[in-house]
Structure formats: structure tokens, C-alpha cells
Amino acid sequence: MLKDITLGQYFPGDTVAHRLDPRTKILLVTFYIIALFCAKGAVSYGLLALTLAVCVRISRVGLHALVRGLKPVLFIILFTGILNLFFTPGERYLVEWGVLRISDTGLRNAIFMVIRIMLLIMGTFLMTYTTSPISLTDGLERLLNGLKKIHVPVHELAMMMSIALRFIPTLIEETDKIMSAQKARGADFESGGLVQKARALIPVLVPLFISAFRRADELATAMECRCYHGGEGRTKLHVLHYAARDWAALALGAAILVGVLALRPLGL
């Protein structure tokens, strides 16, 4: 299960998706999320699913990597779908079993909610797969650069995000090693009820937190030794510049968003 968590991983490549400016990809994902929450019918969701499929094809990441990233949140997706399925009132009920009733509106909402969450997660993961954490940090900092005028610590916030994304795979690998060592010593993480499984994880969480704090202290020491004092006066090794492909991608993303908004009043 832990190996299925792919958030924060970066798959190097030389595709158009990899070469896009990180600011462009952040804006495109923002357009994509807005369009997902504004989508109302099958046509809109189909358009967004087709858009994601084309992006996956261009990036050459592979659909398998995106589907594998859904496994850790599969329970949340199914639970959300069940809540919408049984607790959404409607004009016509398809199934009635005691207090549990499935309406036509509930069935529609459940299907669309599951599709929305899946597309949302896969679209966000695709951005992290094709963009290195350093590039994401630079792009986010440049996009929020105007907030520095009102004394918002933009550089520090972007650096925190970069460090968090960078260490997610490391912490997952560390957790897997600790669990393997505990299993070799006879620990059982599979049997028993939910409470017993939660208690069995305590021997894993304690060394994991110790390791995380140790890494944080080592990182802070390394940054101090390199005279890191925030973003003031810092320069960039790779300066971000928009290219023609970035403007074309933004125009296409904006057109898709406008198309979804146009379809919303029609219920499509």
C-alpha cells in the first residue's frame, strides 16, 4: 500500500509537458480544478476526462502510474460515493431498503462525485510527475510574487512546500523499512479489528517521528551552514521565461474552462 503513494514523485522526461513553464502548469491545474467543480453533466466530465487523457499521452507518464496513486485514497472515494448515494434526496426513489433509499439524484451525484475526485487526484498528480519540486517552488514563488508587497513570506511558503514534496517519498520509504523490520521481529499489522491495527502501528510511528525530526534538524543545520537566510537577495540558476508553447497551453486551458462554464447552464 505504501508503495502506491506516488505524491511528490517526479518522473524525468523531455516531453512538451515536462518543458512547460511551472507557472503554466500551476495555472492549468487551477483552471482544471475550477472546471471540475463547475462541471454539471456527463458532457462536461467527458470533456475533462478527454483533456486528462490527452495530457497523460503527451507526458508519457502512463495511466498505470496515475491509477496506482488512487489506491491509497480508494476508501475515501468509495465512502464519499456511498454518502452521496444513500443520503441525497430526490423526486424518484429507485431502491428502498429500510432507512436506506437510493434516489435518481443520489445515484447521479454519487457517480459524478466519484469521477470528480478521481479526475482531481489524477490531474494534480500529473503535475507533480512532470515537474520537479524545485521548479514547482520557483513557479509558485513567481506567481505569488506580488504578495510580497503586503509582507507575505512568499519565498518561505514556497520553500516549505518544496521541502514537503521532496520528503514525502523519503518518509514513505522510511515507513516501509520500519514496517518490514517490525514484521521480521514478529509484528502483525494485518489481523484484528480497527483498534488493534491502530495499536499495532504505534511501534512504527515512534521511530518514524524520531527519524523525521532527525532529518529536519539535519536539514536546518545544512541550510544554516550554507548561510541560508530566506529569499532576500537570492538569485536563480534557471530563470523562468514564458515560451510560445506556454501561451498556447494557457489559451487551450482557458478555452476548456470557458466551455465547461458554458455547458453548466444547459446541465450538460
C-alpha atoms as a PDB file:
ATOM      1  CA  MET A   1       0.000   0.000   0.000  1.00  0.00           C
ATOM      2  CA  LEU A   2       2.778   2.457   0.903  1.00  0.00           C
ATOM      3  CA  LYS A   3       4.484   1.874  -2.440  1.00  0.00           C
ATOM      4  CA  ASP A   4       1.290   3.033  -4.151  1.00  0.00           C
ATOM      5  CA  ILE A   5       1.617   6.537  -2.671  1.00  0.00           C
ATOM      6  CA  THR A   6       3.239   8.450  -5.516  1.00  0.00           C
ATOM      7  CA  LEU A   7       2.575  12.052  -4.433  1.00  0.00           C
ATOM      8  CA  GLY A   8       5.729  14.130  -4.696  1.00  0.00           C
ATOM      9  CA  GLN A   9       7.489  11.784  -7.104  1.00  0.00           C
ATOM     10  CA  TYR A  10       8.985  13.226 -10.254  1.00  0.00           C
ATOM     11  CA  PHE A  11       9.375  11.245 -13.488  1.00  0.00           C
ATOM     12  CA  PRO A  12      12.099  12.908 -15.603  1.00  0.00           C
ATOM     13  CA  GLY A  13      11.343  13.302 -19.282  1.00  0.00           C
ATOM     14  CA  ASP A  14      11.741  15.518 -22.319  1.00  0.00           C
ATOM     15  CA  THR A  15       8.138  15.861 -23.431  1.00  0.00           C
ATOM     16  CA  VAL A  16       6.139  19.022 -24.061  1.00  0.00           C
ATOM     17  CA  ALA A  17       4.500  18.575 -20.657  1.00  0.00           C
ATOM     18  CA  HIS A  18       7.906  18.475 -18.942  1.00  0.00           C
ATOM     19  CA  ARG A  19       9.179  21.515 -20.839  1.00  0.00           C
ATOM     20  CA  LEU A  20       6.240  23.747 -19.951  1.00  0.00           C
ATOM     21  CA  ASP A  21       6.940  26.564 -17.529  1.00  0.00           C
ATOM     22  CA  PRO A  22       5.962  25.508 -13.963  1.00  0.00           C
ATOM     23  CA  ARG A  23       3.822  28.642 -13.663  1.00  0.00           C
ATOM     24  CA  THR A  24       1.882  27.489 -16.714  1.00  0.00           C
ATOM     25  CA  LYS A  25       1.281  24.062 -15.198  1.00  0.00           C
ATOM     26  CA  ILE A  26       0.142  25.524 -11.886  1.00  0.00           C
ATOM     27  CA  LEU A  27      -2.327  27.802 -13.687  1.00  0.00           C
ATOM     28  CA  LEU A  28      -3.532  24.955 -15.905  1.00  0.00           C
ATOM     29  CA  VAL A  29      -4.190  22.757 -12.863  1.00  0.00           C
ATOM     30  CA  THR A  30      -6.049  25.669 -11.284  1.00  0.00           C
ATOM     31  CA  PHE A  31      -8.226  26.001 -14.417  1.00  0.00           C
ATOM     32  CA  TYR A  32      -8.737  22.233 -14.377  1.00  0.00           C
ATOM     33  CA  ILE A  33      -9.865  22.180 -10.725  1.00  0.00           C
ATOM     34  CA  ILE A  34     -12.255  25.094 -11.257  1.00  0.00           C
ATOM     35  CA  ALA A  35     -13.694  23.338 -14.306  1.00  0.00           C
ATOM     36  CA  LEU A  36     -14.149  20.096 -12.328  1.00  0.00           C
ATOM     37  CA  PHE A  37     -16.130  21.830  -9.596  1.00  0.00           C
ATOM     38  CA  CYS A  38     -18.199  23.716 -12.165  1.00  0.00           C
ATOM     39  CA  ALA A  39     -18.951  20.622 -14.282  1.00  0.00           C
ATOM     40  CA  LYS A  40     -22.579  19.564 -14.033  1.00  0.00           C
ATOM     41  CA  GLY A  41     -23.245  16.880 -16.637  1.00  0.00           C
ATOM     42  CA  ALA A  42     -21.801  13.939 -18.492  1.00  0.00           C
ATOM     43  CA  VAL A  43     -20.610  16.068 -21.417  1.00  0.00           C
ATOM     44  CA  SER A  44     -18.531  18.322 -19.149  1.00  0.00           C
ATOM     45  CA  TYR A  45     -16.972  15.408 -17.291  1.00  0.00           C
ATOM     46  CA  GLY A  46     -16.300  13.649 -20.579  1.00  0.00           C
ATOM     47  CA  LEU A  47     -14.530  16.741 -21.900  1.00  0.00           C
ATOM     48  CA  LEU A  48     -12.355  16.958 -18.781  1.00  0.00           C
ATOM     49  CA  ALA A  49     -11.596  13.223 -18.859  1.00  0.00           C
ATOM     50  CA  LEU A  50     -10.571  13.534 -22.514  1.00  0.00           C
ATOM     51  CA  THR A  51      -8.359  16.506 -21.607  1.00  0.00           C
ATOM     52  CA  LEU A  52      -6.645  14.478 -18.879  1.00  0.00           C
ATOM     53  CA  ALA A  53      -6.182  11.517 -21.242  1.00  0.00           C
ATOM     54  CA  VAL A  54      -4.528  13.752 -23.848  1.00  0.00           C
ATOM     55  CA  CYS A  55      -2.227  15.260 -21.189  1.00  0.00           C
ATOM     56  CA  VAL A  56      -1.270  11.787 -19.952  1.00  0.00           C
ATOM     57  CA  ARG A  57      -0.499  10.764 -23.517  1.00  0.00           C
ATOM     58  CA  ILE A  58       1.632  13.855 -24.129  1.00  0.00           C
ATOM     59  CA  SER A  59       3.537  13.489 -20.845  1.00  0.00           C
ATOM     60  CA  ARG A  60       4.227   9.761 -21.458  1.00  0.00           C
ATOM     61  CA  VAL A  61       3.888   9.144 -17.724  1.00  0.00           C
ATOM     62  CA  GLY A  62       1.444   6.325 -18.252  1.00  0.00           C
ATOM     63  CA  LEU A  63      -2.066   5.799 -16.968  1.00  0.00           C
ATOM     64  CA  HIS A  64      -0.863   2.994 -14.687  1.00  0.00           C
ATOM     65  CA  ALA A  65       1.104   5.425 -12.505  1.00  0.00           C
ATOM     66  CA  LEU A  66      -1.949   7.657 -12.056  1.00  0.00           C
ATOM     67  CA  VAL A  67      -4.270   4.743 -11.263  1.00  0.00           C
ATOM     68  CA  ARG A  68      -1.723   3.381  -8.766  1.00  0.00           C
ATOM     69  CA  GLY A  69      -1.801   6.730  -6.988  1.00  0.00           C
ATOM     70  CA  LEU A  70      -5.552   6.322  -6.434  1.00  0.00           C
ATOM     71  CA  LYS A  71      -5.183   3.141  -4.362  1.00  0.00           C
ATOM     72  CA  PRO A  72      -4.320   4.830  -1.022  1.00  0.00           C
ATOM     73  CA  VAL A  73      -7.428   7.073  -1.251  1.00  0.00           C
ATOM     74  CA  LEU A  74      -9.749   4.432  -2.689  1.00  0.00           C
ATOM     75  CA  PHE A  75     -11.596   4.093   0.631  1.00  0.00           C
ATOM     76  CA  ILE A  76     -12.239   7.853   0.796  1.00  0.00           C
ATOM     77  CA  ILE A  77     -13.510   7.849  -2.804  1.00  0.00           C
ATOM     78  CA  LEU A  78     -15.886   4.941  -2.167  1.00  0.00           C
ATOM     79  CA  PHE A  79     -17.056   6.370   1.178  1.00  0.00           C
ATOM     80  CA  THR A  80     -17.845   9.729  -0.436  1.00  0.00           C
ATOM     81  CA  GLY A  81     -19.743   7.986  -3.226  1.00  0.00           C
ATOM     82  CA  ILE A  82     -21.787   5.920  -0.718  1.00  0.00           C
ATOM     83  CA  LEU A  83     -22.714   9.020   1.286  1.00  0.00           C
ATOM     84  CA  ASN A  84     -23.973  10.757  -1.843  1.00  0.00           C
ATOM     85  CA  LEU A  85     -25.730   7.584  -2.972  1.00  0.00           C
ATOM     86  CA  PHE A  86     -27.811   6.952   0.159  1.00  0.00           C
ATOM     87  CA  PHE A  87     -28.242  10.406   1.671  1.00  0.00           C
ATOM     88  CA  THR A  88     -29.205  12.551  -1.318  1.00  0.00           C
ATOM     89  CA  PRO A  89     -32.965  13.126  -1.549  1.00  0.00           C
ATOM     90  CA  GLY A  90     -34.701  13.053  -4.906  1.00  0.00           C
ATOM     91  CA  GLU A  91     -38.056  13.064  -6.600  1.00  0.00           C
ATOM     92  CA  ARG A  92     -37.972   9.372  -7.541  1.00  0.00           C
ATOM     93  CA  TYR A  93     -36.513   6.542  -5.459  1.00  0.00           C
ATOM     94  CA  LEU A  94     -35.003   3.576  -7.300  1.00  0.00           C
ATOM     95  CA  VAL A  95     -34.342   1.342  -4.276  1.00  0.00           C
ATOM     96  CA  GLU A  96     -35.841   1.441  -0.772  1.00  0.00           C
ATOM     97  CA  TRP A  97     -34.441  -0.781   1.983  1.00  0.00           C
ATOM     98  CA  GLY A  98     -35.477   0.398   5.443  1.00  0.00           C
ATOM     99  CA  VAL A  99     -33.964   3.772   6.154  1.00  0.00           C
ATOM    100  CA  LEU A 100     -31.627   3.403   3.191  1.00  0.00           C
ATOM    101  CA  ARG A 101     -33.042   4.788  -0.028  1.00  0.00           C
ATOM    102  CA  ILE A 102     -31.381   5.411  -3.375  1.00  0.00           C
ATOM    103  CA  SER A 103     -32.854   8.204  -5.444  1.00  0.00           C
ATOM    104  CA  ASP A 104     -32.169   9.033  -9.057  1.00  0.00           C
ATOM    105  CA  THR A 105     -30.494  12.265  -7.945  1.00  0.00           C
ATOM    106  CA  GLY A 106     -28.393  10.387  -5.401  1.00  0.00           C
ATOM    107  CA  LEU A 107     -27.189   7.884  -7.998  1.00  0.00           C
ATOM    108  CA  ARG A 108     -26.273  10.701 -10.380  1.00  0.00           C
ATOM    109  CA  ASN A 109     -24.467  12.684  -7.671  1.00  0.00           C
ATOM    110  CA  ALA A 110     -22.573   9.611  -6.450  1.00  0.00           C
ATOM    111  CA  ILE A 111     -21.291   8.758  -9.929  1.00  0.00           C
ATOM    112  CA  PHE A 112     -20.267  12.317 -10.709  1.00  0.00           C
ATOM    113  CA  MET A 113     -18.645  12.803  -7.270  1.00  0.00           C
ATOM    114  CA  VAL A 114     -16.503   9.678  -7.667  1.00  0.00           C
ATOM    115  CA  ILE A 115     -15.481  10.763 -11.173  1.00  0.00           C
ATOM    116  CA  ARG A 116     -14.706  14.271  -9.926  1.00  0.00           C
ATOM    117  CA  ILE A 117     -12.442  13.097  -7.109  1.00  0.00           C
ATOM    118  CA  MET A 118     -10.617  10.631  -9.351  1.00  0.00           C
ATOM    119  CA  LEU A 119     -10.020  13.216 -12.076  1.00  0.00           C
ATOM    120  CA  LEU A 120      -8.964  15.782  -9.472  1.00  0.00           C
ATOM    121  CA  ILE A 121      -6.366  13.489  -7.889  1.00  0.00           C
ATOM    122  CA  MET A 122      -5.002  12.229 -11.202  1.00  0.00           C
ATOM    123  CA  GLY A 123      -4.744  15.737 -12.652  1.00  0.00           C
ATOM    124  CA  THR A 124      -2.880  17.025  -9.598  1.00  0.00           C
ATOM    125  CA  PHE A 125      -0.565  14.028  -9.539  1.00  0.00           C
ATOM    126  CA  LEU A 126       0.220  14.511 -13.230  1.00  0.00           C
ATOM    127  CA  MET A 127       1.579  17.972 -12.445  1.00  0.00           C
ATOM    128  CA  THR A 128       3.926  16.630  -9.747  1.00  0.00           C
ATOM    129  CA  TYR A 129       5.001  13.752 -12.013  1.00  0.00           C
ATOM    130  CA  THR A 130       6.129  16.142 -14.756  1.00  0.00           C
ATOM    131  CA  THR A 131       7.517  18.963 -12.594  1.00  0.00           C
ATOM    132  CA  SER A 132      10.408  18.751 -10.166  1.00  0.00           C
ATOM    133  CA  PRO A 133       9.842  20.125  -6.633  1.00  0.00           C
ATOM    134  CA  ILE A 134      12.417  22.877  -7.250  1.00  0.00           C
ATOM    135  CA  SER A 135      10.598  24.012 -10.401  1.00  0.00           C
ATOM    136  CA  LEU A 136       7.261  23.970  -8.573  1.00  0.00           C
ATOM    137  CA  THR A 137       8.767  26.128  -5.833  1.00  0.00           C
ATOM    138  CA  ASP A 138      10.143  28.647  -8.328  1.00  0.00           C
ATOM    139  CA  GLY A 139       6.863  28.758 -10.247  1.00  0.00           C
ATOM    140  CA  LEU A 140       4.721  29.222  -7.150  1.00  0.00           C
ATOM    141  CA  GLU A 141       7.030  31.914  -5.821  1.00  0.00           C
ATOM    142  CA  ARG A 142       6.924  33.835  -9.096  1.00  0.00           C
ATOM    143  CA  LEU A 143       3.127  33.587  -9.288  1.00  0.00           C
ATOM    144  CA  LEU A 144       2.715  34.902  -5.738  1.00  0.00           C
ATOM    145  CA  ASN A 145       5.496  37.462  -6.052  1.00  0.00           C
ATOM    146  CA  GLY A 146       3.027  40.362  -5.831  1.00  0.00           C
ATOM    147  CA  LEU A 147       2.033  39.349  -2.299  1.00  0.00           C
ATOM    148  CA  LYS A 148       5.467  40.371  -1.047  1.00  0.00           C
ATOM    149  CA  LYS A 149       4.279  43.959  -1.143  1.00  0.00           C
ATOM    150  CA  ILE A 150       1.917  43.202   1.754  1.00  0.00           C
ATOM    151  CA  HIS A 151       4.725  41.358   3.618  1.00  0.00           C
ATOM    152  CA  VAL A 152       3.550  37.822   2.879  1.00  0.00           C
ATOM    153  CA  PRO A 153       6.551  35.425   3.236  1.00  0.00           C
ATOM    154  CA  VAL A 154       6.144  34.016  -0.264  1.00  0.00           C
ATOM    155  CA  HIS A 155       9.628  32.531  -0.531  1.00  0.00           C
ATOM    156  CA  GLU A 156       9.364  30.778   2.834  1.00  0.00           C
ATOM    157  CA  LEU A 157       5.945  29.343   1.966  1.00  0.00           C
ATOM    158  CA  ALA A 158       7.207  28.083  -1.388  1.00  0.00           C
ATOM    159  CA  MET A 159      10.280  26.579   0.270  1.00  0.00           C
ATOM    160  CA  MET A 160       8.099  24.775   2.827  1.00  0.00           C
ATOM    161  CA  MET A 161       6.008  23.297   0.023  1.00  0.00           C
ATOM    162  CA  SER A 162       9.129  22.188  -1.838  1.00  0.00           C
ATOM    163  CA  ILE A 163      10.601  20.503   1.239  1.00  0.00           C
ATOM    164  CA  ALA A 164       7.292  18.773   1.999  1.00  0.00           C
ATOM    165  CA  LEU A 165       7.001  17.394  -1.546  1.00  0.00           C
ATOM    166  CA  ARG A 166      10.656  16.371  -1.546  1.00  0.00           C
ATOM    167  CA  PHE A 167      10.430  14.364   1.665  1.00  0.00           C
ATOM    168  CA  ILE A 168       7.109  12.586   1.057  1.00  0.00           C
ATOM    169  CA  PRO A 169       8.758   9.739  -0.924  1.00  0.00           C
ATOM    170  CA  THR A 170      11.586   9.622   1.638  1.00  0.00           C
ATOM    171  CA  LEU A 171       9.202   9.261   4.583  1.00  0.00           C
ATOM    172  CA  ILE A 172       7.190   6.617   2.732  1.00  0.00           C
ATOM    173  CA  GLU A 173      10.360   4.636   2.074  1.00  0.00           C
ATOM    174  CA  GLU A 174      11.383   5.023   5.722  1.00  0.00           C
ATOM    175  CA  THR A 175       7.963   3.815   6.878  1.00  0.00           C
ATOM    176  CA  ASP A 176       8.190   0.773   4.619  1.00  0.00           C
ATOM    177  CA  LYS A 177      11.619  -0.110   6.035  1.00  0.00           C
ATOM    178  CA  ILE A 178      10.407   0.225   9.632  1.00  0.00           C
ATOM    179  CA  MET A 179       7.335  -1.923   8.959  1.00  0.00           C
ATOM    180  CA  SER A 180       9.476  -4.580   7.273  1.00  0.00           C
ATOM    181  CA  ALA A 181      11.819  -4.624  10.270  1.00  0.00           C
ATOM    182  CA  GLN A 182       8.875  -4.894  12.675  1.00  0.00           C
ATOM    183  CA  LYS A 183       7.372  -7.759  10.659  1.00  0.00           C
ATOM    184  CA  ALA A 184      10.721  -9.568  10.765  1.00  0.00           C
ATOM    185  CA  ARG A 185      10.502  -9.329  14.549  1.00  0.00           C
ATOM    186  CA  GLY A 186       7.035 -10.877  14.571  1.00  0.00           C
ATOM    187  CA  ALA A 187       4.794  -7.793  14.425  1.00  0.00           C
ATOM    188  CA  ASP A 188       1.350  -8.336  12.918  1.00  0.00           C
ATOM    189  CA  PHE A 189      -0.260  -5.390  11.109  1.00  0.00           C
ATOM    190  CA  GLU A 190      -2.996  -7.287   9.282  1.00  0.00           C
ATOM    191  CA  SER A 191      -5.044  -9.297  11.802  1.00  0.00           C
ATOM    192  CA  GLY A 192      -7.501  -7.940  14.356  1.00  0.00           C
ATOM    193  CA  GLY A 193     -10.022  -5.153  14.279  1.00  0.00           C
ATOM    194  CA  LEU A 194      -9.534  -1.478  13.532  1.00  0.00           C
ATOM    195  CA  VAL A 195      -8.443  -0.648  17.097  1.00  0.00           C
ATOM    196  CA  GLN A 196      -5.906  -3.463  17.162  1.00  0.00           C
ATOM    197  CA  LYS A 197      -4.484  -2.410  13.807  1.00  0.00           C
ATOM    198  CA  ALA A 198      -4.171   1.170  15.065  1.00  0.00           C
ATOM    199  CA  ARG A 199      -2.330  -0.021  18.194  1.00  0.00           C
ATOM    200  CA  ALA A 200      -0.014  -2.151  16.061  1.00  0.00           C
ATOM    201  CA  LEU A 201       1.084   0.989  14.212  1.00  0.00           C
ATOM    202  CA  ILE A 202       2.402   2.670  17.386  1.00  0.00           C
ATOM    203  CA  PRO A 203       5.786   0.856  17.168  1.00  0.00           C
ATOM    204  CA  VAL A 204       6.030   2.207  13.624  1.00  0.00           C
ATOM    205  CA  LEU A 205       5.034   5.803  14.344  1.00  0.00           C
ATOM    206  CA  VAL A 206       7.516   6.353  17.184  1.00  0.00           C
ATOM    207  CA  PRO A 207      10.700   5.610  15.190  1.00  0.00           C
ATOM    208  CA  LEU A 208       9.178   7.342  12.160  1.00  0.00           C
ATOM    209  CA  PHE A 209       8.676  10.589  14.089  1.00  0.00           C
ATOM    210  CA  ILE A 210      12.169  10.318  15.556  1.00  0.00           C
ATOM    211  CA  SER A 211      13.601   9.852  12.071  1.00  0.00           C
ATOM    212  CA  ALA A 212      11.558  12.781  10.696  1.00  0.00           C
ATOM    213  CA  PHE A 213      12.738  15.142  13.461  1.00  0.00           C
ATOM    214  CA  ARG A 214      16.332  13.997  12.951  1.00  0.00           C
ATOM    215  CA  ARG A 215      16.104  14.698   9.217  1.00  0.00           C
ATOM    216  CA  ALA A 216      14.534  18.103   9.896  1.00  0.00           C
ATOM    217  CA  ASP A 217      17.358  19.003  12.287  1.00  0.00           C
ATOM    218  CA  GLU A 218      19.999  17.859   9.784  1.00  0.00           C
ATOM    219  CA  LEU A 219      18.327  19.871   7.020  1.00  0.00           C
ATOM    220  CA  ALA A 220      18.165  23.002   9.204  1.00  0.00           C
ATOM    221  CA  THR A 221      21.850  22.618  10.097  1.00  0.00           C
ATOM    222  CA  ALA A 222      22.818  22.162   6.448  1.00  0.00           C
ATOM    223  CA  MET A 223      20.855  25.271   5.424  1.00  0.00           C
ATOM    224  CA  GLU A 224      22.493  27.333   8.182  1.00  0.00           C
ATOM    225  CA  CYS A 225      25.963  26.098   7.172  1.00  0.00           C
ATOM    226  CA  ARG A 226      25.235  27.321   3.635  1.00  0.00           C
ATOM    227  CA  CYS A 227      24.252  30.748   5.014  1.00  0.00           C
ATOM    228  CA  TYR A 228      20.598  30.429   4.037  1.00  0.00           C
ATOM    229  CA  HIS A 229      18.641  33.443   5.304  1.00  0.00           C
ATOM    230  CA  GLY A 230      15.440  33.360   3.261  1.00  0.00           C
ATOM    231  CA  GLY A 231      14.744  34.760  -0.164  1.00  0.00           C
ATOM    232  CA  GLU A 232      16.277  38.208   0.305  1.00  0.00           C
ATOM    233  CA  GLY A 233      18.982  38.844  -2.263  1.00  0.00           C
ATOM    234  CA  ARG A 234      18.844  35.343  -3.718  1.00  0.00           C
ATOM    235  CA  THR A 235      19.247  34.744  -7.444  1.00  0.00           C
ATOM    236  CA  LYS A 236      18.070  31.866  -9.626  1.00  0.00           C
ATOM    237  CA  LEU A 237      20.236  29.434 -11.533  1.00  0.00           C
ATOM    238  CA  HIS A 238      17.432  28.863 -14.053  1.00  0.00           C
ATOM    239  CA  VAL A 239      15.358  31.985 -14.726  1.00  0.00           C
ATOM    240  CA  LEU A 240      11.798  31.225 -15.774  1.00  0.00           C
ATOM    241  CA  HIS A 241      10.644  32.526 -19.172  1.00  0.00           C
ATOM    242  CA  TYR A 242       7.357  32.019 -20.979  1.00  0.00           C
ATOM    243  CA  ALA A 243       7.583  30.455 -24.429  1.00  0.00           C
ATOM    244  CA  ALA A 244       5.050  30.184 -27.241  1.00  0.00           C
ATOM    245  CA  ARG A 245       4.015  26.705 -26.047  1.00  0.00           C
ATOM    246  CA  ASP A 246       3.149  28.160 -22.631  1.00  0.00           C
ATOM    247  CA  TRP A 247       0.820  30.774 -24.095  1.00  0.00           C
ATOM    248  CA  ALA A 248      -0.767  28.152 -26.339  1.00  0.00           C
ATOM    249  CA  ALA A 249      -1.317  25.788 -23.390  1.00  0.00           C
ATOM    250  CA  LEU A 250      -2.843  28.574 -21.278  1.00  0.00           C
ATOM    251  CA  ALA A 251      -5.160  29.587 -24.119  1.00  0.00           C
ATOM    252  CA  LEU A 252      -6.286  25.977 -24.574  1.00  0.00           C
ATOM    253  CA  GLY A 253      -6.820  25.538 -20.832  1.00  0.00           C
ATOM    254  CA  ALA A 254      -8.831  28.745 -20.618  1.00  0.00           C
ATOM    255  CA  ALA A 255     -10.920  27.651 -23.613  1.00  0.00           C
ATOM    256  CA  ILE A 256     -11.755  24.330 -21.925  1.00  0.00           C
ATOM    257  CA  LEU A 257     -12.737  26.157 -18.735  1.00  0.00           C
ATOM    258  CA  VAL A 258     -14.981  28.531 -20.684  1.00  0.00           C
ATOM    259  CA  GLY A 259     -16.507  25.545 -22.480  1.00  0.00           C
ATOM    260  CA  VAL A 260     -17.356  23.823 -19.185  1.00  0.00           C
ATOM    261  CA  LEU A 261     -18.849  27.058 -17.821  1.00  0.00           C
ATOM    262  CA  ALA A 262     -20.933  27.410 -20.982  1.00  0.00           C
ATOM    263  CA  LEU A 263     -22.229  23.849 -20.614  1.00  0.00           C
ATOM    264  CA  ARG A 264     -23.186  24.325 -16.957  1.00  0.00           C
ATOM    265  CA  PRO A 265     -26.465  26.271 -17.528  1.00  0.00           C
ATOM    266  CA  LEU A 266     -27.517  23.583 -20.008  1.00  0.00           C
ATOM    267  CA  GLY A 267     -26.977  20.835 -17.429  1.00  0.00           C
ATOM    268  CA  LEU A 268     -24.557  19.035 -19.763  1.00  0.00           C
END
